[in-house]
Amino acid sequence: MAAPIRPGPDPRAQGSVRLIGGQWKRSKLPVLEAAGLRPTPDRVRETLFNWLGNDLAGWRCLDAFAGSGALGFEAASRGAAEVLLLEQDARLVANLRAVQLRLDARQVRVETADALRWMSHHRTGAFDLVLLDPPFDAGLAEPALAAAVPLLAQGGLLYLEARAALDTATIDAQGLSLHRHTRAGHVHAHLFRRSDTAASAA
């Protein structure tokens, strides 16, 4: 039987990012030209997954605003059991599914969806990690944060990239504690933990 045909690079790709750890280390993910698409820089991703401990075996993860899929596929590469990628741009969805097929990433599921709307309707408490990297110019950082908190399991972690550091009042209002923060150029990377109080009140 002939081997299955794996899709090649998308001819519309404007570049690529590399996975930096795990079973697919150094694998390239094509980056298409799309409004607001800004893949997480390698340095920031490396810092994030150092914070998380690198081994995500058994974790259930959501990558909202998936874009290139750099965050979600990185989590899957490092052992996450389930990774859901949400993306509303049809071209980016097709690209994500091509990468999923090429990597044979069976733990990854790609869904066409408006991330904010999807999160607002799935208050499940099912995810150990939610990854948020919304377009900076869309004003979605705080709404996305609010929509994502109910999806977290007790003690779950929430990662957010934003143009500016979030203030303490905004963080406290969501029942989160700031676990780590760093800045790289114009990117502020936050890692929050959901408090037990917030989880029990949801």
C-alpha atoms as a PDB file:
ATOM      1  CA  MET A   1       0.000   0.000   0.000  1.00  0.00           C
ATOM      2  CA  ALA A   2       1.315   3.417  -0.894  1.00  0.00           C
ATOM      3  CA  ALA A   3       2.263   5.721   1.962  1.00  0.00           C
ATOM      4  CA  PRO A   4      -0.232   8.541   2.611  1.00  0.00           C
ATOM      5  CA  ILE A   5       0.592  11.815   0.901  1.00  0.00           C
ATOM      6  CA  ARG A   6       1.571  14.492   3.353  1.00  0.00           C
ATOM      7  CA  PRO A   7       0.730  18.057   2.382  1.00  0.00           C
ATOM      8  CA  GLY A   8       3.683  20.227   1.448  1.00  0.00           C
ATOM      9  CA  PRO A   9       4.315  23.819   2.478  1.00  0.00           C
ATOM     10  CA  ASP A  10       1.497  26.226   1.694  1.00  0.00           C
ATOM     11  CA  PRO A  11       2.601  28.412  -1.249  1.00  0.00           C
ATOM     12  CA  ARG A  12       1.028  31.432   0.496  1.00  0.00           C
ATOM     13  CA  ALA A  13       3.281  31.047   3.548  1.00  0.00           C
ATOM     14  CA  GLN A  14       5.216  34.208   4.382  1.00  0.00           C
ATOM     15  CA  GLY A  15       7.682  32.399   6.605  1.00  0.00           C
ATOM     16  CA  SER A  16       7.753  29.765   9.298  1.00  0.00           C
ATOM     17  CA  VAL A  17       8.317  29.156  12.979  1.00  0.00           C
ATOM     18  CA  ARG A  18       9.998  26.133  14.513  1.00  0.00           C
ATOM     19  CA  LEU A  19       8.810  24.014  17.393  1.00  0.00           C
ATOM     20  CA  ILE A  20      11.483  24.244  20.043  1.00  0.00           C
ATOM     21  CA  GLY A  21      10.985  21.147  22.187  1.00  0.00           C
ATOM     22  CA  GLY A  22       9.454  17.707  22.523  1.00  0.00           C
ATOM     23  CA  GLN A  23       8.863  14.998  19.950  1.00  0.00           C
ATOM     24  CA  TRP A  24       8.539  17.420  17.017  1.00  0.00           C
ATOM     25  CA  LYS A  25      11.464  19.642  17.988  1.00  0.00           C
ATOM     26  CA  ARG A  26      12.723  21.726  15.020  1.00  0.00           C
ATOM     27  CA  SER A  27       9.617  20.954  12.927  1.00  0.00           C
ATOM     28  CA  LYS A  28       8.576  23.986  10.885  1.00  0.00           C
ATOM     29  CA  LEU A  29       5.101  25.488  10.981  1.00  0.00           C
ATOM     30  CA  PRO A  30       4.274  27.683   7.965  1.00  0.00           C
ATOM     31  CA  VAL A  31       3.058  31.180   8.773  1.00  0.00           C
ATOM     32  CA  LEU A  32       0.485  32.600   6.364  1.00  0.00           C
ATOM     33  CA  GLU A  33      -0.061  36.286   5.817  1.00  0.00           C
ATOM     34  CA  ALA A  34      -3.223  37.251   7.701  1.00  0.00           C
ATOM     35  CA  ALA A  35      -4.487  40.320   9.517  1.00  0.00           C
ATOM     36  CA  GLY A  36      -3.407  40.337  13.147  1.00  0.00           C
ATOM     37  CA  LEU A  37      -1.355  37.138  12.845  1.00  0.00           C
ATOM     38  CA  ARG A  38       1.751  37.443  15.009  1.00  0.00           C
ATOM     39  CA  PRO A  39       3.275  34.103  15.997  1.00  0.00           C
ATOM     40  CA  THR A  40       4.711  33.964  19.494  1.00  0.00           C
ATOM     41  CA  PRO A  41       8.479  34.584  19.233  1.00  0.00           C
ATOM     42  CA  ASP A  42      10.777  31.622  19.908  1.00  0.00           C
ATOM     43  CA  ARG A  43      12.283  33.331  22.954  1.00  0.00           C
ATOM     44  CA  VAL A  44       8.850  33.863  24.518  1.00  0.00           C
ATOM     45  CA  ARG A  45       7.689  30.313  23.774  1.00  0.00           C
ATOM     46  CA  GLU A  46      10.869  28.904  25.285  1.00  0.00           C
ATOM     47  CA  THR A  47      10.320  30.992  28.416  1.00  0.00           C
ATOM     48  CA  LEU A  48       6.670  29.921  28.660  1.00  0.00           C
ATOM     49  CA  PHE A  49       7.409  26.224  28.436  1.00  0.00           C
ATOM     50  CA  ASN A  50      10.263  26.569  30.909  1.00  0.00           C
ATOM     51  CA  TRP A  51       7.683  28.078  33.292  1.00  0.00           C
ATOM     52  CA  LEU A  52       5.341  25.165  32.615  1.00  0.00           C
ATOM     53  CA  GLY A  53       8.033  22.593  33.259  1.00  0.00           C
ATOM     54  CA  ASN A  54       8.449  21.338  29.659  1.00  0.00           C
ATOM     55  CA  ASP A  55       6.703  17.962  30.252  1.00  0.00           C
ATOM     56  CA  LEU A  56       2.940  18.396  29.794  1.00  0.00           C
ATOM     57  CA  ALA A  57       2.082  14.689  29.826  1.00  0.00           C
ATOM     58  CA  GLY A  58      -1.660  14.198  30.311  1.00  0.00           C
ATOM     59  CA  TRP A  59      -2.561  17.897  30.146  1.00  0.00           C
ATOM     60  CA  ARG A  60      -5.739  19.119  28.425  1.00  0.00           C
ATOM     61  CA  CYS A  61      -4.992  22.335  26.565  1.00  0.00           C
ATOM     62  CA  LEU A  62      -6.904  24.969  24.620  1.00  0.00           C
ATOM     63  CA  ASP A  63      -5.143  27.244  22.139  1.00  0.00           C
ATOM     64  CA  ALA A  64      -7.647  29.982  21.348  1.00  0.00           C
ATOM     65  CA  PHE A  65      -6.824  32.431  18.519  1.00  0.00           C
ATOM     66  CA  ALA A  66      -4.546  29.644  17.268  1.00  0.00           C
ATOM     67  CA  GLY A  67      -3.162  31.413  14.171  1.00  0.00           C
ATOM     68  CA  SER A  68      -0.034  29.492  13.167  1.00  0.00           C
ATOM     69  CA  GLY A  69      -0.647  26.929  15.921  1.00  0.00           C
ATOM     70  CA  ALA A  70       2.785  27.565  17.436  1.00  0.00           C
ATOM     71  CA  LEU A  71       1.548  27.454  21.031  1.00  0.00           C
ATOM     72  CA  GLY A  72      -0.840  24.523  20.680  1.00  0.00           C
ATOM     73  CA  PHE A  73       1.489  22.308  18.663  1.00  0.00           C
ATOM     74  CA  GLU A  74       4.300  23.115  21.099  1.00  0.00           C
ATOM     75  CA  ALA A  75       2.105  21.860  23.938  1.00  0.00           C
ATOM     76  CA  ALA A  76       1.256  18.698  21.992  1.00  0.00           C
ATOM     77  CA  SER A  77       4.932  18.162  21.154  1.00  0.00           C
ATOM     78  CA  ARG A  78       5.679  18.199  24.871  1.00  0.00           C
ATOM     79  CA  GLY A  79       3.173  15.479  25.712  1.00  0.00           C
ATOM     80  CA  ALA A  80      -0.221  17.148  26.195  1.00  0.00           C
ATOM     81  CA  ALA A  81      -2.952  14.513  25.939  1.00  0.00           C
ATOM     82  CA  GLU A  82      -5.533  16.776  24.278  1.00  0.00           C
ATOM     83  CA  VAL A  83      -5.030  20.054  22.450  1.00  0.00           C
ATOM     84  CA  LEU A  84      -7.908  21.994  20.904  1.00  0.00           C
ATOM     85  CA  LEU A  85      -7.011  24.723  18.407  1.00  0.00           C
ATOM     86  CA  LEU A  86      -9.636  27.407  17.719  1.00  0.00           C
ATOM     87  CA  GLU A  87      -9.319  29.595  14.619  1.00  0.00           C
ATOM     88  CA  GLN A  88     -11.941  31.459  12.583  1.00  0.00           C
ATOM     89  CA  ASP A  89      -9.925  32.277   9.429  1.00  0.00           C
ATOM     90  CA  ALA A  90     -10.617  29.477   6.924  1.00  0.00           C
ATOM     91  CA  ARG A  91      -7.148  29.688   5.351  1.00  0.00           C
ATOM     92  CA  LEU A  92      -5.470  29.398   8.737  1.00  0.00           C
ATOM     93  CA  VAL A  93      -7.744  26.498   9.700  1.00  0.00           C
ATOM     94  CA  ALA A  94      -6.719  24.654   6.523  1.00  0.00           C
ATOM     95  CA  ASN A  95      -3.071  25.345   7.323  1.00  0.00           C
ATOM     96  CA  LEU A  96      -3.462  24.049  10.883  1.00  0.00           C
ATOM     97  CA  ARG A  97      -5.106  20.858   9.634  1.00  0.00           C
ATOM     98  CA  ALA A  98      -2.300  20.338   7.114  1.00  0.00           C
ATOM     99  CA  VAL A  99       0.271  20.616   9.917  1.00  0.00           C
ATOM    100  CA  GLN A 100      -1.763  18.253  12.083  1.00  0.00           C
ATOM    101  CA  LEU A 101      -1.771  15.681   9.292  1.00  0.00           C
ATOM    102  CA  ARG A 102       1.921  16.106   8.512  1.00  0.00           C
ATOM    103  CA  LEU A 103       2.905  15.622  12.158  1.00  0.00           C
ATOM    104  CA  ASP A 104       0.320  12.859  12.676  1.00  0.00           C
ATOM    105  CA  ALA A 105      -0.731  14.824  15.751  1.00  0.00           C
ATOM    106  CA  ARG A 106      -3.661  12.687  16.799  1.00  0.00           C
ATOM    107  CA  GLN A 107      -4.071  14.444  20.134  1.00  0.00           C
ATOM    108  CA  VAL A 108      -4.694  17.752  18.331  1.00  0.00           C
ATOM    109  CA  ARG A 109      -8.152  18.845  17.181  1.00  0.00           C
ATOM    110  CA  VAL A 110      -8.746  21.894  15.002  1.00  0.00           C
ATOM    111  CA  GLU A 111     -12.103  23.661  15.134  1.00  0.00           C
ATOM    112  CA  THR A 112     -13.335  26.589  13.048  1.00  0.00           C
ATOM    113  CA  ALA A 113     -14.711  29.031  15.600  1.00  0.00           C
ATOM    114  CA  ASP A 114     -14.723  32.564  16.892  1.00  0.00           C
ATOM    115  CA  ALA A 115     -12.614  32.020  20.004  1.00  0.00           C
ATOM    116  CA  LEU A 116     -14.361  34.558  22.218  1.00  0.00           C
ATOM    117  CA  ARG A 117     -17.820  33.238  21.357  1.00  0.00           C
ATOM    118  CA  TRP A 118     -16.725  29.605  21.728  1.00  0.00           C
ATOM    119  CA  MET A 119     -15.205  30.198  25.153  1.00  0.00           C
ATOM    120  CA  SER A 120     -18.299  32.089  26.317  1.00  0.00           C
ATOM    121  CA  HIS A 121     -20.461  29.035  25.554  1.00  0.00           C
ATOM    122  CA  HIS A 122     -18.192  26.290  26.938  1.00  0.00           C
ATOM    123  CA  ARG A 123     -17.846  26.996  30.655  1.00  0.00           C
ATOM    124  CA  THR A 124     -16.616  23.499  31.331  1.00  0.00           C
ATOM    125  CA  GLY A 125     -13.695  23.742  33.746  1.00  0.00           C
ATOM    126  CA  ALA A 126     -12.101  21.063  31.575  1.00  0.00           C
ATOM    127  CA  PHE A 127      -8.715  22.527  30.661  1.00  0.00           C
ATOM    128  CA  ASP A 128      -5.450  22.413  32.568  1.00  0.00           C
ATOM    129  CA  LEU A 129      -3.983  25.126  30.350  1.00  0.00           C
ATOM    130  CA  VAL A 130      -5.582  27.824  28.199  1.00  0.00           C
ATOM    131  CA  LEU A 131      -3.353  29.720  25.766  1.00  0.00           C
ATOM    132  CA  LEU A 132      -4.489  33.175  24.629  1.00  0.00           C
ATOM    133  CA  ASP A 133      -2.701  35.194  21.975  1.00  0.00           C
ATOM    134  CA  PRO A 134      -5.375  37.450  20.451  1.00  0.00           C
ATOM    135  CA  PRO A 135      -4.548  40.123  17.837  1.00  0.00           C
ATOM    136  CA  PHE A 136      -3.107  43.100  19.692  1.00  0.00           C
ATOM    137  CA  ASP A 137      -5.147  45.706  17.808  1.00  0.00           C
ATOM    138  CA  ALA A 138      -8.521  44.047  18.421  1.00  0.00           C
ATOM    139  CA  GLY A 139      -8.902  44.974  22.100  1.00  0.00           C
ATOM    140  CA  LEU A 140      -9.535  41.340  23.034  1.00  0.00           C
ATOM    141  CA  ALA A 141      -7.078  40.755  25.862  1.00  0.00           C
ATOM    142  CA  GLU A 142      -9.395  41.457  28.790  1.00  0.00           C
ATOM    143  CA  PRO A 143     -12.589  39.982  27.215  1.00  0.00           C
ATOM    144  CA  ALA A 144     -10.655  36.842  26.278  1.00  0.00           C
ATOM    145  CA  LEU A 145      -9.247  36.561  29.776  1.00  0.00           C
ATOM    146  CA  ALA A 146     -12.732  36.816  31.305  1.00  0.00           C
ATOM    147  CA  ALA A 147     -14.167  34.234  28.895  1.00  0.00           C
ATOM    148  CA  ALA A 148     -11.295  31.798  29.459  1.00  0.00           C
ATOM    149  CA  VAL A 149     -11.298  31.639  33.257  1.00  0.00           C
ATOM    150  CA  PRO A 150     -14.429  29.406  33.573  1.00  0.00           C
ATOM    151  CA  LEU A 151     -12.815  26.883  31.217  1.00  0.00           C
ATOM    152  CA  LEU A 152      -9.964  26.219  33.636  1.00  0.00           C
ATOM    153  CA  ALA A 153      -9.842  23.245  35.931  1.00  0.00           C
ATOM    154  CA  GLN A 154      -9.180  24.000  39.588  1.00  0.00           C
ATOM    155  CA  GLY A 155      -5.615  25.268  39.849  1.00  0.00           C
ATOM    156  CA  GLY A 156      -5.407  25.502  36.054  1.00  0.00           C
ATOM    157  CA  LEU A 157      -3.031  27.825  34.231  1.00  0.00           C
ATOM    158  CA  LEU A 158      -3.853  30.584  31.774  1.00  0.00           C
ATOM    159  CA  TYR A 159      -1.314  32.186  29.443  1.00  0.00           C
ATOM    160  CA  LEU A 160      -1.961  35.578  27.856  1.00  0.00           C
ATOM    161  CA  GLU A 161       0.048  37.719  25.462  1.00  0.00           C
ATOM    162  CA  ALA A 162      -0.818  41.400  25.359  1.00  0.00           C
ATOM    163  CA  ARG A 163       0.614  44.728  24.299  1.00  0.00           C
ATOM    164  CA  ALA A 164       0.783  45.929  27.914  1.00  0.00           C
ATOM    165  CA  ALA A 165       1.067  44.336  31.336  1.00  0.00           C
ATOM    166  CA  LEU A 166      -2.302  43.707  32.996  1.00  0.00           C
ATOM    167  CA  ASP A 167      -2.937  45.650  36.182  1.00  0.00           C
ATOM    168  CA  THR A 168      -3.526  44.003  39.535  1.00  0.00           C
ATOM    169  CA  ALA A 169      -7.193  45.018  39.693  1.00  0.00           C
ATOM    170  CA  THR A 170      -7.980  43.298  36.381  1.00  0.00           C
ATOM    171  CA  ILE A 171      -6.184  40.133  37.471  1.00  0.00           C
ATOM    172  CA  ASP A 172      -7.846  40.018  40.895  1.00  0.00           C
ATOM    173  CA  ALA A 173     -11.304  40.614  39.393  1.00  0.00           C
ATOM    174  CA  GLN A 174     -10.990  37.366  37.439  1.00  0.00           C
ATOM    175  CA  GLY A 175      -9.972  35.289  40.457  1.00  0.00           C
ATOM    176  CA  LEU A 176      -6.476  34.791  39.092  1.00  0.00           C
ATOM    177  CA  SER A 177      -3.019  35.118  40.561  1.00  0.00           C
ATOM    178  CA  LEU A 178      -0.046  36.190  38.458  1.00  0.00           C
ATOM    179  CA  HIS A 179       2.403  33.304  38.394  1.00  0.00           C
ATOM    180  CA  ARG A 180       4.975  34.697  35.938  1.00  0.00           C
ATOM    181  CA  HIS A 181       5.418  37.741  33.706  1.00  0.00           C
ATOM    182  CA  THR A 182       8.032  38.756  31.161  1.00  0.00           C
ATOM    183  CA  ARG A 183       8.424  41.258  28.367  1.00  0.00           C
ATOM    184  CA  ALA A 184      10.104  40.747  25.007  1.00  0.00           C
ATOM    185  CA  GLY A 185       9.923  43.809  22.780  1.00  0.00           C
ATOM    186  CA  HIS A 186       6.251  44.753  22.437  1.00  0.00           C
ATOM    187  CA  VAL A 187       5.017  41.427  23.858  1.00  0.00           C
ATOM    188  CA  HIS A 188       3.991  41.112  27.496  1.00  0.00           C
ATOM    189  CA  ALA A 189       3.651  37.439  28.409  1.00  0.00           C
ATOM    190  CA  HIS A 190       1.593  36.572  31.490  1.00  0.00           C
ATOM    191  CA  LEU A 191       1.056  33.206  33.135  1.00  0.00           C
ATOM    192  CA  PHE A 192      -1.827  33.121  35.609  1.00  0.00           C
ATOM    193  CA  ARG A 193      -3.104  30.450  37.963  1.00  0.00           C
ATOM    194  CA  ARG A 194      -6.792  30.087  38.747  1.00  0.00           C
ATOM    195  CA  SER A 195      -7.400  30.277  42.459  1.00  0.00           C
ATOM    196  CA  ASP A 196      -9.310  27.575  44.313  1.00  0.00           C
ATOM    197  CA  THR A 197     -11.850  30.212  45.340  1.00  0.00           C
ATOM    198  CA  ALA A 198     -12.570  31.149  41.717  1.00  0.00           C
ATOM    199  CA  ALA A 199     -12.879  27.515  40.708  1.00  0.00           C
ATOM    200  CA  SER A 200     -15.409  26.720  43.436  1.00  0.00           C
ATOM    201  CA  ALA A 201     -17.452  29.817  42.663  1.00  0.00           C
ATOM    202  CA  ALA A 202     -17.805  29.116  38.916  1.00  0.00           C
END
